ModelCIF file with pLDDT and N, C-alpha, C, O atoms, coordinates in Angstrom:
data_MODEL
#
_entry.id   MODEL 
#
_entity.id                         1 
_entity.type                       polymer 
_entity.pdbx_number_of_molecules   1 
#
_entity_poly.entity_id                      1 
_entity_poly.type                           'polypeptide(L)' 
_entity_poly.nstd_linkage                   no 
_entity_poly.nstd_monomer                   no 
_entity_poly.pdbx_seq_one_letter_code       GVGWRQLATPYLKERGIQILDPTDKPVTQCRFNEIGDEKEMIKKLVK 
_entity_poly.pdbx_seq_one_letter_code_can   GVGWRQLATPYLKERGIQILDPTDKPVTQCRFNEIGDEKEMIKKLVK 
_entity_poly.pdbx_strand_id                 A 
#
loop_
_entity_poly_seq.entity_id 
_entity_poly_seq.num 
_entity_poly_seq.mon_id 
_entity_poly_seq.hetero 
1 1  GLY n 
1 2  VAL n 
1 3  GLY n 
1 4  TRP n 
1 5  ARG n 
1 6  GLN n 
1 7  LEU n 
1 8  ALA n 
1 9  THR n 
1 10 PRO n 
1 11 TYR n 
1 12 LEU n 
1 13 LYS n 
1 14 GLU n 
1 15 ARG n 
1 16 GLY n 
1 17 ILE n 
1 18 GLN n 
1 19 ILE n 
1 20 LEU n 
1 21 ASP n 
1 22 PRO n 
1 23 THR n 
1 24 ASP n 
1 25 LYS n 
1 26 PRO n 
1 27 VAL n 
1 28 THR n 
1 29 GLN n 
1 30 CYS n 
1 31 ARG n 
1 32 PHE n 
1 33 ASN n 
1 34 GLU n 
1 35 ILE n 
1 36 GLY n 
1 37 ASP n 
1 38 GLU n 
1 39 LYS n 
1 40 GLU n 
1 41 MET n 
1 42 ILE n 
1 43 LYS n 
1 44 LYS n 
1 45 LEU n 
1 46 VAL n 
1 47 LYS n 
#
_struct_asym.id          A 
_struct_asym.entity_id   1 
#
loop_
_ma_qa_metric.id 
_ma_qa_metric.mode 
_ma_qa_metric.name 
_ma_qa_metric.software_group_id 
_ma_qa_metric.type 
1 global pLDDT . pLDDT 
2 local  pLDDT . pLDDT 
#
_ma_qa_metric_global.metric_id      1 
_ma_qa_metric_global.metric_value   85.68 
_ma_qa_metric_global.model_id       1 
_ma_qa_metric_global.ordinal_id     1 
#
loop_
_ma_qa_metric_local.label_asym_id 
_ma_qa_metric_local.label_comp_id 
_ma_qa_metric_local.label_seq_id 
_ma_qa_metric_local.metric_id 
_ma_qa_metric_local.metric_value 
_ma_qa_metric_local.model_id 
_ma_qa_metric_local.ordinal_id 
A GLY 1  2 91.00 1 1  
A VAL 2  2 92.00 1 2  
A GLY 3  2 93.00 1 3  
A TRP 4  2 95.00 1 4  
A ARG 5  2 95.00 1 5  
A GLN 6  2 94.00 1 6  
A LEU 7  2 92.00 1 7  
A ALA 8  2 96.00 1 8  
A THR 9  2 96.00 1 9  
A PRO 10 2 96.00 1 10 
A TYR 11 2 96.00 1 11 
A LEU 12 2 97.00 1 12 
A LYS 13 2 96.00 1 13 
A GLU 14 2 96.00 1 14 
A ARG 15 2 96.00 1 15 
A GLY 16 2 95.00 1 16 
A ILE 17 2 97.00 1 17 
A GLN 18 2 96.00 1 18 
A ILE 19 2 97.00 1 19 
A LEU 20 2 97.00 1 20 
A ASP 21 2 95.00 1 21 
A PRO 22 2 93.00 1 22 
A THR 23 2 91.00 1 23 
A ASP 24 2 89.00 1 24 
A LYS 25 2 87.00 1 25 
A PRO 26 2 83.00 1 26 
A VAL 27 2 77.00 1 27 
A THR 28 2 69.00 1 28 
A GLN 29 2 64.00 1 29 
A CYS 30 2 61.00 1 30 
A ARG 31 2 64.00 1 31 
A PHE 32 2 64.00 1 32 
A ASN 33 2 62.00 1 33 
A GLU 34 2 68.00 1 34 
A ILE 35 2 68.00 1 35 
A GLY 36 2 64.00 1 36 
A ASP 37 2 74.00 1 37 
A GLU 38 2 77.00 1 38 
A LYS 39 2 77.00 1 39 
A GLU 40 2 82.00 1 40 
A MET 41 2 84.00 1 41 
A ILE 42 2 84.00 1 42 
A LYS 43 2 86.00 1 43 
A LYS 44 2 90.00 1 44 
A LEU 45 2 90.00 1 45 
A VAL 46 2 90.00 1 46 
A LYS 47 2 91.00 1 47 
#
loop_
_atom_site.group_PDB 
_atom_site.id 
_atom_site.type_symbol 
_atom_site.label_atom_id 
_atom_site.label_alt_id 
_atom_site.label_comp_id 
_atom_site.label_asym_id 
_atom_site.label_entity_id 
_atom_site.label_seq_id 
_atom_site.pdbx_PDB_ins_code 
_atom_site.Cartn_x 
_atom_site.Cartn_y 
_atom_site.Cartn_z 
_atom_site.occupancy 
_atom_site.B_iso_or_equiv 
_atom_site.pdbx_formal_charge 
_atom_site.auth_seq_id 
_atom_site.auth_comp_id 
_atom_site.auth_asym_id 
_atom_site.auth_atom_id 
_atom_site.pdbx_PDB_model_num 
ATOM 1   N N  . GLY A 1 1  ? 0.791  -1.230  0.000  1.00 91.00 ? 1  GLY A N  1 
ATOM 2   C CA . GLY A 1 1  ? 0.000  0.000   0.000  1.00 91.00 ? 1  GLY A CA 1 
ATOM 3   C C  . GLY A 1 1  ? 0.818  1.272   0.000  1.00 91.00 ? 1  GLY A C  1 
ATOM 4   O O  . GLY A 1 1  ? 0.271  2.356   0.200  1.00 91.00 ? 1  GLY A O  1 
ATOM 5   N N  . VAL A 1 2  ? 2.140  1.161   -0.224 1.00 92.00 ? 2  VAL A N  1 
ATOM 6   C CA . VAL A 1 2  ? 2.973  2.363   -0.151 1.00 92.00 ? 2  VAL A CA 1 
ATOM 7   C C  . VAL A 1 2  ? 3.024  3.121   -1.477 1.00 92.00 ? 2  VAL A C  1 
ATOM 8   O O  . VAL A 1 2  ? 3.289  4.324   -1.485 1.00 92.00 ? 2  VAL A O  1 
ATOM 9   N N  . GLY A 1 3  ? 2.774  2.437   -2.600 1.00 93.00 ? 3  GLY A N  1 
ATOM 10  C CA . GLY A 1 3  ? 2.973  3.046   -3.912 1.00 93.00 ? 3  GLY A CA 1 
ATOM 11  C C  . GLY A 1 3  ? 2.178  4.317   -4.126 1.00 93.00 ? 3  GLY A C  1 
ATOM 12  O O  . GLY A 1 3  ? 2.748  5.374   -4.396 1.00 93.00 ? 3  GLY A O  1 
ATOM 13  N N  . TRP A 1 4  ? 0.852  4.218   -4.007 1.00 95.00 ? 4  TRP A N  1 
ATOM 14  C CA . TRP A 1 4  ? 0.024  5.393   -4.285 1.00 95.00 ? 4  TRP A CA 1 
ATOM 15  C C  . TRP A 1 4  ? 0.230  6.463   -3.219 1.00 95.00 ? 4  TRP A C  1 
ATOM 16  O O  . TRP A 1 4  ? 0.128  7.656   -3.508 1.00 95.00 ? 4  TRP A O  1 
ATOM 17  N N  . ARG A 1 5  ? 0.518  6.044   -1.992 1.00 95.00 ? 5  ARG A N  1 
ATOM 18  C CA . ARG A 1 5  ? 0.740  7.022   -0.927 1.00 95.00 ? 5  ARG A CA 1 
ATOM 19  C C  . ARG A 1 5  ? 2.016  7.825   -1.181 1.00 95.00 ? 5  ARG A C  1 
ATOM 20  O O  . ARG A 1 5  ? 2.032  9.043   -0.998 1.00 95.00 ? 5  ARG A O  1 
ATOM 21  N N  . GLN A 1 6  ? 3.080  7.147   -1.600 1.00 94.00 ? 6  GLN A N  1 
ATOM 22  C CA . GLN A 1 6  ? 4.334  7.847   -1.862 1.00 94.00 ? 6  GLN A CA 1 
ATOM 23  C C  . GLN A 1 6  ? 4.228  8.776   -3.069 1.00 94.00 ? 6  GLN A C  1 
ATOM 24  O O  . GLN A 1 6  ? 4.919  9.792   -3.134 1.00 94.00 ? 6  GLN A O  1 
ATOM 25  N N  . LEU A 1 7  ? 3.375  8.434   -4.013 1.00 92.00 ? 7  LEU A N  1 
ATOM 26  C CA . LEU A 1 7  ? 3.204  9.282   -5.184 1.00 92.00 ? 7  LEU A CA 1 
ATOM 27  C C  . LEU A 1 7  ? 2.295  10.470  -4.895 1.00 92.00 ? 7  LEU A C  1 
ATOM 28  O O  . LEU A 1 7  ? 2.498  11.558  -5.434 1.00 92.00 ? 7  LEU A O  1 
ATOM 29  N N  . ALA A 1 8  ? 1.299  10.262  -4.049 1.00 96.00 ? 8  ALA A N  1 
ATOM 30  C CA . ALA A 1 8  ? 0.364  11.347  -3.733 1.00 96.00 ? 8  ALA A CA 1 
ATOM 31  C C  . ALA A 1 8  ? 0.942  12.343  -2.735 1.00 96.00 ? 8  ALA A C  1 
ATOM 32  O O  . ALA A 1 8  ? 0.588  13.522  -2.755 1.00 96.00 ? 8  ALA A O  1 
ATOM 33  N N  . THR A 1 9  ? 1.826  11.877  -1.866 1.00 96.00 ? 9  THR A N  1 
ATOM 34  C CA . THR A 1 9  ? 2.329  12.724  -0.778 1.00 96.00 ? 9  THR A CA 1 
ATOM 35  C C  . THR A 1 9  ? 3.003  13.999  -1.269 1.00 96.00 ? 9  THR A C  1 
ATOM 36  O O  . THR A 1 9  ? 2.689  15.063  -0.736 1.00 96.00 ? 9  THR A O  1 
ATOM 37  N N  . PRO A 1 10 ? 3.920  13.969  -2.259 1.00 96.00 ? 10 PRO A N  1 
ATOM 38  C CA . PRO A 1 10 ? 4.554  15.227  -2.700 1.00 96.00 ? 10 PRO A CA 1 
ATOM 39  C C  . PRO A 1 10 ? 3.547  16.238  -3.238 1.00 96.00 ? 10 PRO A C  1 
ATOM 40  O O  . PRO A 1 10 ? 3.679  17.439  -2.999 1.00 96.00 ? 10 PRO A O  1 
ATOM 41  N N  . TYR A 1 11 ? 2.545  15.756  -3.961 1.00 96.00 ? 11 TYR A N  1 
ATOM 42  C CA . TYR A 1 11 ? 1.503  16.646  -4.485 1.00 96.00 ? 11 TYR A CA 1 
ATOM 43  C C  . TYR A 1 11 ? 0.777  17.346  -3.330 1.00 96.00 ? 11 TYR A C  1 
ATOM 44  O O  . TYR A 1 11 ? 0.572  18.560  -3.365 1.00 96.00 ? 11 TYR A O  1 
ATOM 45  N N  . LEU A 1 12 ? 0.394  16.582  -2.322 1.00 97.00 ? 12 LEU A N  1 
ATOM 46  C CA . LEU A 1 12 ? -0.346 17.153  -1.190 1.00 97.00 ? 12 LEU A CA 1 
ATOM 47  C C  . LEU A 1 12 ? 0.528  18.105  -0.375 1.00 97.00 ? 12 LEU A C  1 
ATOM 48  O O  . LEU A 1 12 ? 0.084  19.182  0.023  1.00 97.00 ? 12 LEU A O  1 
ATOM 49  N N  . LYS A 1 13 ? 1.772  17.698  -0.133 1.00 96.00 ? 13 LYS A N  1 
ATOM 50  C CA . LYS A 1 13 ? 2.676  18.553  0.635  1.00 96.00 ? 13 LYS A CA 1 
ATOM 51  C C  . LYS A 1 13 ? 2.954  19.866  -0.085 1.00 96.00 ? 13 LYS A C  1 
ATOM 52  O O  . LYS A 1 13 ? 3.149  20.898  0.559  1.00 96.00 ? 13 LYS A O  1 
ATOM 53  N N  . GLU A 1 14 ? 2.974  19.836  -1.404 1.00 96.00 ? 14 GLU A N  1 
ATOM 54  C CA . GLU A 1 14 ? 3.204  21.063  -2.170 1.00 96.00 ? 14 GLU A CA 1 
ATOM 55  C C  . GLU A 1 14 ? 2.117  22.090  -1.894 1.00 96.00 ? 14 GLU A C  1 
ATOM 56  O O  . GLU A 1 14 ? 2.354  23.292  -2.015 1.00 96.00 ? 14 GLU A O  1 
ATOM 57  N N  . ARG A 1 15 ? 0.950  21.635  -1.531 1.00 96.00 ? 15 ARG A N  1 
ATOM 58  C CA . ARG A 1 15 ? -0.159 22.528  -1.217 1.00 96.00 ? 15 ARG A CA 1 
ATOM 59  C C  . ARG A 1 15 ? -0.237 22.822  0.277  1.00 96.00 ? 15 ARG A C  1 
ATOM 60  O O  . ARG A 1 15 ? -1.224 23.381  0.756  1.00 96.00 ? 15 ARG A O  1 
ATOM 61  N N  . GLY A 1 16 ? 0.798  22.448  0.999  1.00 95.00 ? 16 GLY A N  1 
ATOM 62  C CA . GLY A 1 16 ? 0.849  22.729  2.434  1.00 95.00 ? 16 GLY A CA 1 
ATOM 63  C C  . GLY A 1 16 ? -0.002 21.804  3.264  1.00 95.00 ? 16 GLY A C  1 
ATOM 64  O O  . GLY A 1 16 ? -0.312 22.113  4.415  1.00 95.00 ? 16 GLY A O  1 
ATOM 65  N N  . ILE A 1 17 ? -0.391 20.662  2.697  1.00 97.00 ? 17 ILE A N  1 
ATOM 66  C CA . ILE A 1 17 ? -1.222 19.687  3.403  1.00 97.00 ? 17 ILE A CA 1 
ATOM 67  C C  . ILE A 1 17 ? -0.311 18.733  4.168  1.00 97.00 ? 17 ILE A C  1 
ATOM 68  O O  . ILE A 1 17 ? 0.634  18.178  3.607  1.00 97.00 ? 17 ILE A O  1 
ATOM 69  N N  . GLN A 1 18 ? -0.602 18.550  5.448  1.00 96.00 ? 18 GLN A N  1 
ATOM 70  C CA . GLN A 1 18 ? 0.180  17.647  6.282  1.00 96.00 ? 18 GLN A CA 1 
ATOM 71  C C  . GLN A 1 18 ? -0.351 16.223  6.120  1.00 96.00 ? 18 GLN A C  1 
ATOM 72  O O  . GLN A 1 18 ? -1.561 16.006  6.059  1.00 96.00 ? 18 GLN A O  1 
ATOM 73  N N  . ILE A 1 19 ? 0.564  15.262  6.052  1.00 97.00 ? 19 ILE A N  1 
ATOM 74  C CA . ILE A 1 19 ? 0.203  13.883  5.738  1.00 97.00 ? 19 ILE A CA 1 
ATOM 75  C C  . ILE A 1 19 ? 0.208  13.015  6.984  1.00 97.00 ? 19 ILE A C  1 
ATOM 76  O O  . ILE A 1 19 ? 1.144  13.058  7.781  1.00 97.00 ? 19 ILE A O  1 
ATOM 77  N N  . LEU A 1 20 ? -0.842 12.231  7.142  1.00 97.00 ? 20 LEU A N  1 
ATOM 78  C CA . LEU A 1 20 ? -0.920 11.189  8.158  1.00 97.00 ? 20 LEU A CA 1 
ATOM 79  C C  . LEU A 1 20 ? -1.031 9.859   7.416  1.00 97.00 ? 20 LEU A C  1 
ATOM 80  O O  . LEU A 1 20 ? -2.069 9.544   6.833  1.00 97.00 ? 20 LEU A O  1 
ATOM 81  N N  . ASP A 1 21 ? 0.061  9.078   7.448  1.00 95.00 ? 21 ASP A N  1 
ATOM 82  C CA . ASP A 1 21 ? 0.191  7.887   6.613  1.00 95.00 ? 21 ASP A CA 1 
ATOM 83  C C  . ASP A 1 21 ? 0.379  6.659   7.504  1.00 95.00 ? 21 ASP A C  1 
ATOM 84  O O  . ASP A 1 21 ? 1.356  6.593   8.249  1.00 95.00 ? 21 ASP A O  1 
ATOM 85  N N  . PRO A 1 22 ? -0.538 5.682   7.443  1.00 93.00 ? 22 PRO A N  1 
ATOM 86  C CA . PRO A 1 22 ? -0.410 4.503   8.311  1.00 93.00 ? 22 PRO A CA 1 
ATOM 87  C C  . PRO A 1 22 ? 0.793  3.622   7.968  1.00 93.00 ? 22 PRO A C  1 
ATOM 88  O O  . PRO A 1 22 ? 1.203  2.804   8.791  1.00 93.00 ? 22 PRO A O  1 
ATOM 89  N N  . THR A 1 23 ? 1.370  3.775   6.763  1.00 91.00 ? 23 THR A N  1 
ATOM 90  C CA . THR A 1 23 ? 2.571  3.007   6.429  1.00 91.00 ? 23 THR A CA 1 
ATOM 91  C C  . THR A 1 23 ? 3.843  3.744   6.828  1.00 91.00 ? 23 THR A C  1 
ATOM 92  O O  . THR A 1 23 ? 4.947  3.226   6.653  1.00 91.00 ? 23 THR A O  1 
ATOM 93  N N  . ASP A 1 24 ? 3.691  4.939   7.358  1.00 89.00 ? 24 ASP A N  1 
ATOM 94  C CA . ASP A 1 24 ? 4.822  5.738   7.842  1.00 89.00 ? 24 ASP A CA 1 
ATOM 95  C C  . ASP A 1 24 ? 4.333  6.586   9.006  1.00 89.00 ? 24 ASP A C  1 
ATOM 96  O O  . ASP A 1 24 ? 4.280  7.814   8.929  1.00 89.00 ? 24 ASP A O  1 
ATOM 97  N N  . LYS A 1 25 ? 3.979  5.904   10.080 1.00 87.00 ? 25 LYS A N  1 
ATOM 98  C CA . LYS A 1 25 ? 3.302  6.545   11.206 1.00 87.00 ? 25 LYS A CA 1 
ATOM 99  C C  . LYS A 1 25 ? 4.182  7.623   11.840 1.00 87.00 ? 25 LYS A C  1 
ATOM 100 O O  . LYS A 1 25 ? 5.355  7.372   12.117 1.00 87.00 ? 25 LYS A O  1 
ATOM 101 N N  . PRO A 1 26 ? 3.635  8.820   12.075 1.00 83.00 ? 26 PRO A N  1 
ATOM 102 C CA . PRO A 1 26 ? 4.427  9.924   12.648 1.00 83.00 ? 26 PRO A CA 1 
ATOM 103 C C  . PRO A 1 26 ? 4.460  9.892   14.168 1.00 83.00 ? 26 PRO A C  1 
ATOM 104 O O  . PRO A 1 26 ? 4.359  10.932  14.819 1.00 83.00 ? 26 PRO A O  1 
ATOM 105 N N  . VAL A 1 27 ? 4.602  8.686   14.738 1.00 77.00 ? 27 VAL A N  1 
ATOM 106 C CA . VAL A 1 27 ? 4.648  8.545   16.193 1.00 77.00 ? 27 VAL A CA 1 
ATOM 107 C C  . VAL A 1 27 ? 5.728  7.535   16.559 1.00 77.00 ? 27 VAL A C  1 
ATOM 108 O O  . VAL A 1 27 ? 6.086  6.676   15.753 1.00 77.00 ? 27 VAL A O  1 
ATOM 109 N N  . THR A 1 28 ? 6.238  7.641   17.767 1.00 69.00 ? 28 THR A N  1 
ATOM 110 C CA . THR A 1 28 ? 7.245  6.682   18.236 1.00 69.00 ? 28 THR A CA 1 
ATOM 111 C C  . THR A 1 28 ? 6.633  5.589   19.100 1.00 69.00 ? 28 THR A C  1 
ATOM 112 O O  . THR A 1 28 ? 7.257  4.548   19.308 1.00 69.00 ? 28 THR A O  1 
ATOM 113 N N  . GLN A 1 29 ? 5.418  5.808   19.610 1.00 64.00 ? 29 GLN A N  1 
ATOM 114 C CA . GLN A 1 29 ? 4.837  4.838   20.525 1.00 64.00 ? 29 GLN A CA 1 
ATOM 115 C C  . GLN A 1 29 ? 4.361  3.577   19.822 1.00 64.00 ? 29 GLN A C  1 
ATOM 116 O O  . GLN A 1 29 ? 4.228  2.530   20.457 1.00 64.00 ? 29 GLN A O  1 
ATOM 117 N N  . CYS A 1 30 ? 4.101  3.660   18.510 1.00 61.00 ? 30 CYS A N  1 
ATOM 118 C CA . CYS A 1 30 ? 3.670  2.486   17.753 1.00 61.00 ? 30 CYS A CA 1 
ATOM 119 C C  . CYS A 1 30 ? 4.881  1.916   17.021 1.00 61.00 ? 30 CYS A C  1 
ATOM 120 O O  . CYS A 1 30 ? 5.530  2.610   16.239 1.00 61.00 ? 30 CYS A O  1 
ATOM 121 N N  . ARG A 1 31 ? 5.176  0.656   17.282 1.00 64.00 ? 31 ARG A N  1 
ATOM 122 C CA . ARG A 1 31 ? 6.377  0.036   16.711 1.00 64.00 ? 31 ARG A CA 1 
ATOM 123 C C  . ARG A 1 31 ? 6.146  -0.525  15.311 1.00 64.00 ? 31 ARG A C  1 
ATOM 124 O O  . ARG A 1 31 ? 7.087  -0.991  14.668 1.00 64.00 ? 31 ARG A O  1 
ATOM 125 N N  . PHE A 1 32 ? 4.897  -0.484  14.833 1.00 64.00 ? 32 PHE A N  1 
ATOM 126 C CA . PHE A 1 32 ? 4.577  -1.232  13.622 1.00 64.00 ? 32 PHE A CA 1 
ATOM 127 C C  . PHE A 1 32 ? 3.943  -0.346  12.552 1.00 64.00 ? 32 PHE A C  1 
ATOM 128 O O  . PHE A 1 32 ? 2.918  0.297   12.781 1.00 64.00 ? 32 PHE A O  1 
ATOM 129 N N  . ASN A 1 33 ? 4.578  -0.328  11.375 1.00 62.00 ? 33 ASN A N  1 
ATOM 130 C CA . ASN A 1 33 ? 4.011  0.349   10.206 1.00 62.00 ? 33 ASN A CA 1 
ATOM 131 C C  . ASN A 1 33 ? 3.350  -0.641  9.255  1.00 62.00 ? 33 ASN A C  1 
ATOM 132 O O  . ASN A 1 33 ? 2.822  -0.245  8.215  1.00 62.00 ? 33 ASN A O  1 
ATOM 133 N N  . GLU A 1 34 ? 3.376  -1.925  9.605  1.00 68.00 ? 34 GLU A N  1 
ATOM 134 C CA . GLU A 1 34 ? 2.638  -2.982  8.892  1.00 68.00 ? 34 GLU A CA 1 
ATOM 135 C C  . GLU A 1 34 ? 3.211  -3.323  7.525  1.00 68.00 ? 34 GLU A C  1 
ATOM 136 O O  . GLU A 1 34 ? 2.547  -3.999  6.739  1.00 68.00 ? 34 GLU A O  1 
ATOM 137 N N  . ILE A 1 35 ? 4.405  -2.881  7.225  1.00 68.00 ? 35 ILE A N  1 
ATOM 138 C CA . ILE A 1 35 ? 4.959  -3.092  5.887  1.00 68.00 ? 35 ILE A CA 1 
ATOM 139 C C  . ILE A 1 35 ? 6.342  -3.731  5.983  1.00 68.00 ? 35 ILE A C  1 
ATOM 140 O O  . ILE A 1 35 ? 6.953  -3.765  7.052  1.00 68.00 ? 35 ILE A O  1 
ATOM 141 N N  . GLY A 1 36 ? 6.823  -4.238  4.844  1.00 64.00 ? 36 GLY A N  1 
ATOM 142 C CA . GLY A 1 36 ? 8.180  -4.752  4.751  1.00 64.00 ? 36 GLY A CA 1 
ATOM 143 C C  . GLY A 1 36 ? 8.454  -5.879  5.729  1.00 64.00 ? 36 GLY A C  1 
ATOM 144 O O  . GLY A 1 36 ? 7.679  -6.831  5.830  1.00 64.00 ? 36 GLY A O  1 
ATOM 145 N N  . ASP A 1 37 ? 9.572  -5.764  6.455  1.00 74.00 ? 37 ASP A N  1 
ATOM 146 C CA . ASP A 1 37 ? 9.976  -6.808  7.400  1.00 74.00 ? 37 ASP A CA 1 
ATOM 147 C C  . ASP A 1 37 ? 8.943  -6.995  8.501  1.00 74.00 ? 37 ASP A C  1 
ATOM 148 O O  . ASP A 1 37 ? 8.740  -8.111  8.979  1.00 74.00 ? 37 ASP A O  1 
ATOM 149 N N  . GLU A 1 38 ? 8.285  -5.907  8.908  1.00 77.00 ? 38 GLU A N  1 
ATOM 150 C CA . GLU A 1 38 ? 7.268  -6.012  9.956  1.00 77.00 ? 38 GLU A CA 1 
ATOM 151 C C  . GLU A 1 38 ? 6.099  -6.865  9.482  1.00 77.00 ? 38 GLU A C  1 
ATOM 152 O O  . GLU A 1 38 ? 5.556  -7.666  10.243 1.00 77.00 ? 38 GLU A O  1 
ATOM 153 N N  . LYS A 1 39 ? 5.717  -6.691  8.232  1.00 77.00 ? 39 LYS A N  1 
ATOM 154 C CA . LYS A 1 39 ? 4.621  -7.487  7.659  1.00 77.00 ? 39 LYS A CA 1 
ATOM 155 C C  . LYS A 1 39 ? 5.007  -8.963  7.606  1.00 77.00 ? 39 LYS A C  1 
ATOM 156 O O  . LYS A 1 39 ? 4.183  -9.834  7.890  1.00 77.00 ? 39 LYS A O  1 
ATOM 157 N N  . GLU A 1 40 ? 6.260  -9.244  7.244  1.00 82.00 ? 40 GLU A N  1 
ATOM 158 C CA . GLU A 1 40 ? 6.724  -10.631 7.196  1.00 82.00 ? 40 GLU A CA 1 
ATOM 159 C C  . GLU A 1 40 ? 6.748  -11.237 8.596  1.00 82.00 ? 40 GLU A C  1 
ATOM 160 O O  . GLU A 1 40 ? 6.419  -12.411 8.766  1.00 82.00 ? 40 GLU A O  1 
ATOM 161 N N  . MET A 1 41 ? 7.133  -10.449 9.599  1.00 84.00 ? 41 MET A N  1 
ATOM 162 C CA . MET A 1 41 ? 7.130  -10.925 10.972 1.00 84.00 ? 41 MET A CA 1 
ATOM 163 C C  . MET A 1 41 ? 5.718  -11.279 11.420 1.00 84.00 ? 41 MET A C  1 
ATOM 164 O O  . MET A 1 41 ? 5.507  -12.289 12.091 1.00 84.00 ? 41 MET A O  1 
ATOM 165 N N  . ILE A 1 42 ? 4.753  -10.443 11.044 1.00 84.00 ? 42 ILE A N  1 
ATOM 166 C CA . ILE A 1 42 ? 3.358  -10.720 11.390 1.00 84.00 ? 42 ILE A CA 1 
ATOM 167 C C  . ILE A 1 42 ? 2.883  -12.012 10.734 1.00 84.00 ? 42 ILE A C  1 
ATOM 168 O O  . ILE A 1 42 ? 2.181  -12.806 11.361 1.00 84.00 ? 42 ILE A O  1 
ATOM 169 N N  . LYS A 1 43 ? 3.262  -12.225 9.478  1.00 86.00 ? 43 LYS A N  1 
ATOM 170 C CA . LYS A 1 43 ? 2.888  -13.465 8.781  1.00 86.00 ? 43 LYS A CA 1 
ATOM 171 C C  . LYS A 1 43 ? 3.456  -14.688 9.505  1.00 86.00 ? 43 LYS A C  1 
ATOM 172 O O  . LYS A 1 43 ? 2.788  -15.717 9.603  1.00 86.00 ? 43 LYS A O  1 
ATOM 173 N N  . LYS A 1 44 ? 4.692  -14.578 10.012 1.00 90.00 ? 44 LYS A N  1 
ATOM 174 C CA . LYS A 1 44 ? 5.303  -15.693 10.738 1.00 90.00 ? 44 LYS A CA 1 
ATOM 175 C C  . LYS A 1 44 ? 4.558  -15.969 12.035 1.00 90.00 ? 44 LYS A C  1 
ATOM 176 O O  . LYS A 1 44 ? 4.366  -17.125 12.411 1.00 90.00 ? 44 LYS A O  1 
ATOM 177 N N  . LEU A 1 45 ? 4.138  -14.911 12.720 1.00 90.00 ? 45 LEU A N  1 
ATOM 178 C CA . LEU A 1 45 ? 3.375  -15.097 13.950 1.00 90.00 ? 45 LEU A CA 1 
ATOM 179 C C  . LEU A 1 45 ? 2.038  -15.780 13.667 1.00 90.00 ? 45 LEU A C  1 
ATOM 180 O O  . LEU A 1 45 ? 1.560  -16.577 14.474 1.00 90.00 ? 45 LEU A O  1 
ATOM 181 N N  . VAL A 1 46 ? 1.436  -15.463 12.515 1.00 90.00 ? 46 VAL A N  1 
ATOM 182 C CA . VAL A 1 46 ? 0.185  -16.128 12.128 1.00 90.00 ? 46 VAL A CA 1 
ATOM 183 C C  . VAL A 1 46 ? 0.432  -17.620 11.930 1.00 90.00 ? 46 VAL A C  1 
ATOM 184 O O  . VAL A 1 46 ? -0.341 -18.444 12.418 1.00 90.00 ? 46 VAL A O  1 
ATOM 185 N N  . LYS A 1 47 ? 1.493  -17.973 11.224 1.00 91.00 ? 47 LYS A N  1 
ATOM 186 C CA . LYS A 1 47 ? 1.814  -19.386 10.992 1.00 91.00 ? 47 LYS A CA 1 
ATOM 187 C C  . LYS A 1 47 ? 2.063  -20.123 12.301 1.00 91.00 ? 47 LYS A C  1 
ATOM 188 O O  . LYS A 1 47 ? 2.346  -21.321 12.291 1.00 91.00 ? 47 LYS A O  1 
#
């Protein structure tokens, strides 16, 4: 789910719009962005 978000973000930021993206969470308290290695780790826990 990162493709369209990464492409849309520069357009929105150019208009001064702040982005809240679940694949790149702007917080430190949540350890999981649900993508990449984290997604693979979740799949292993499911198995």
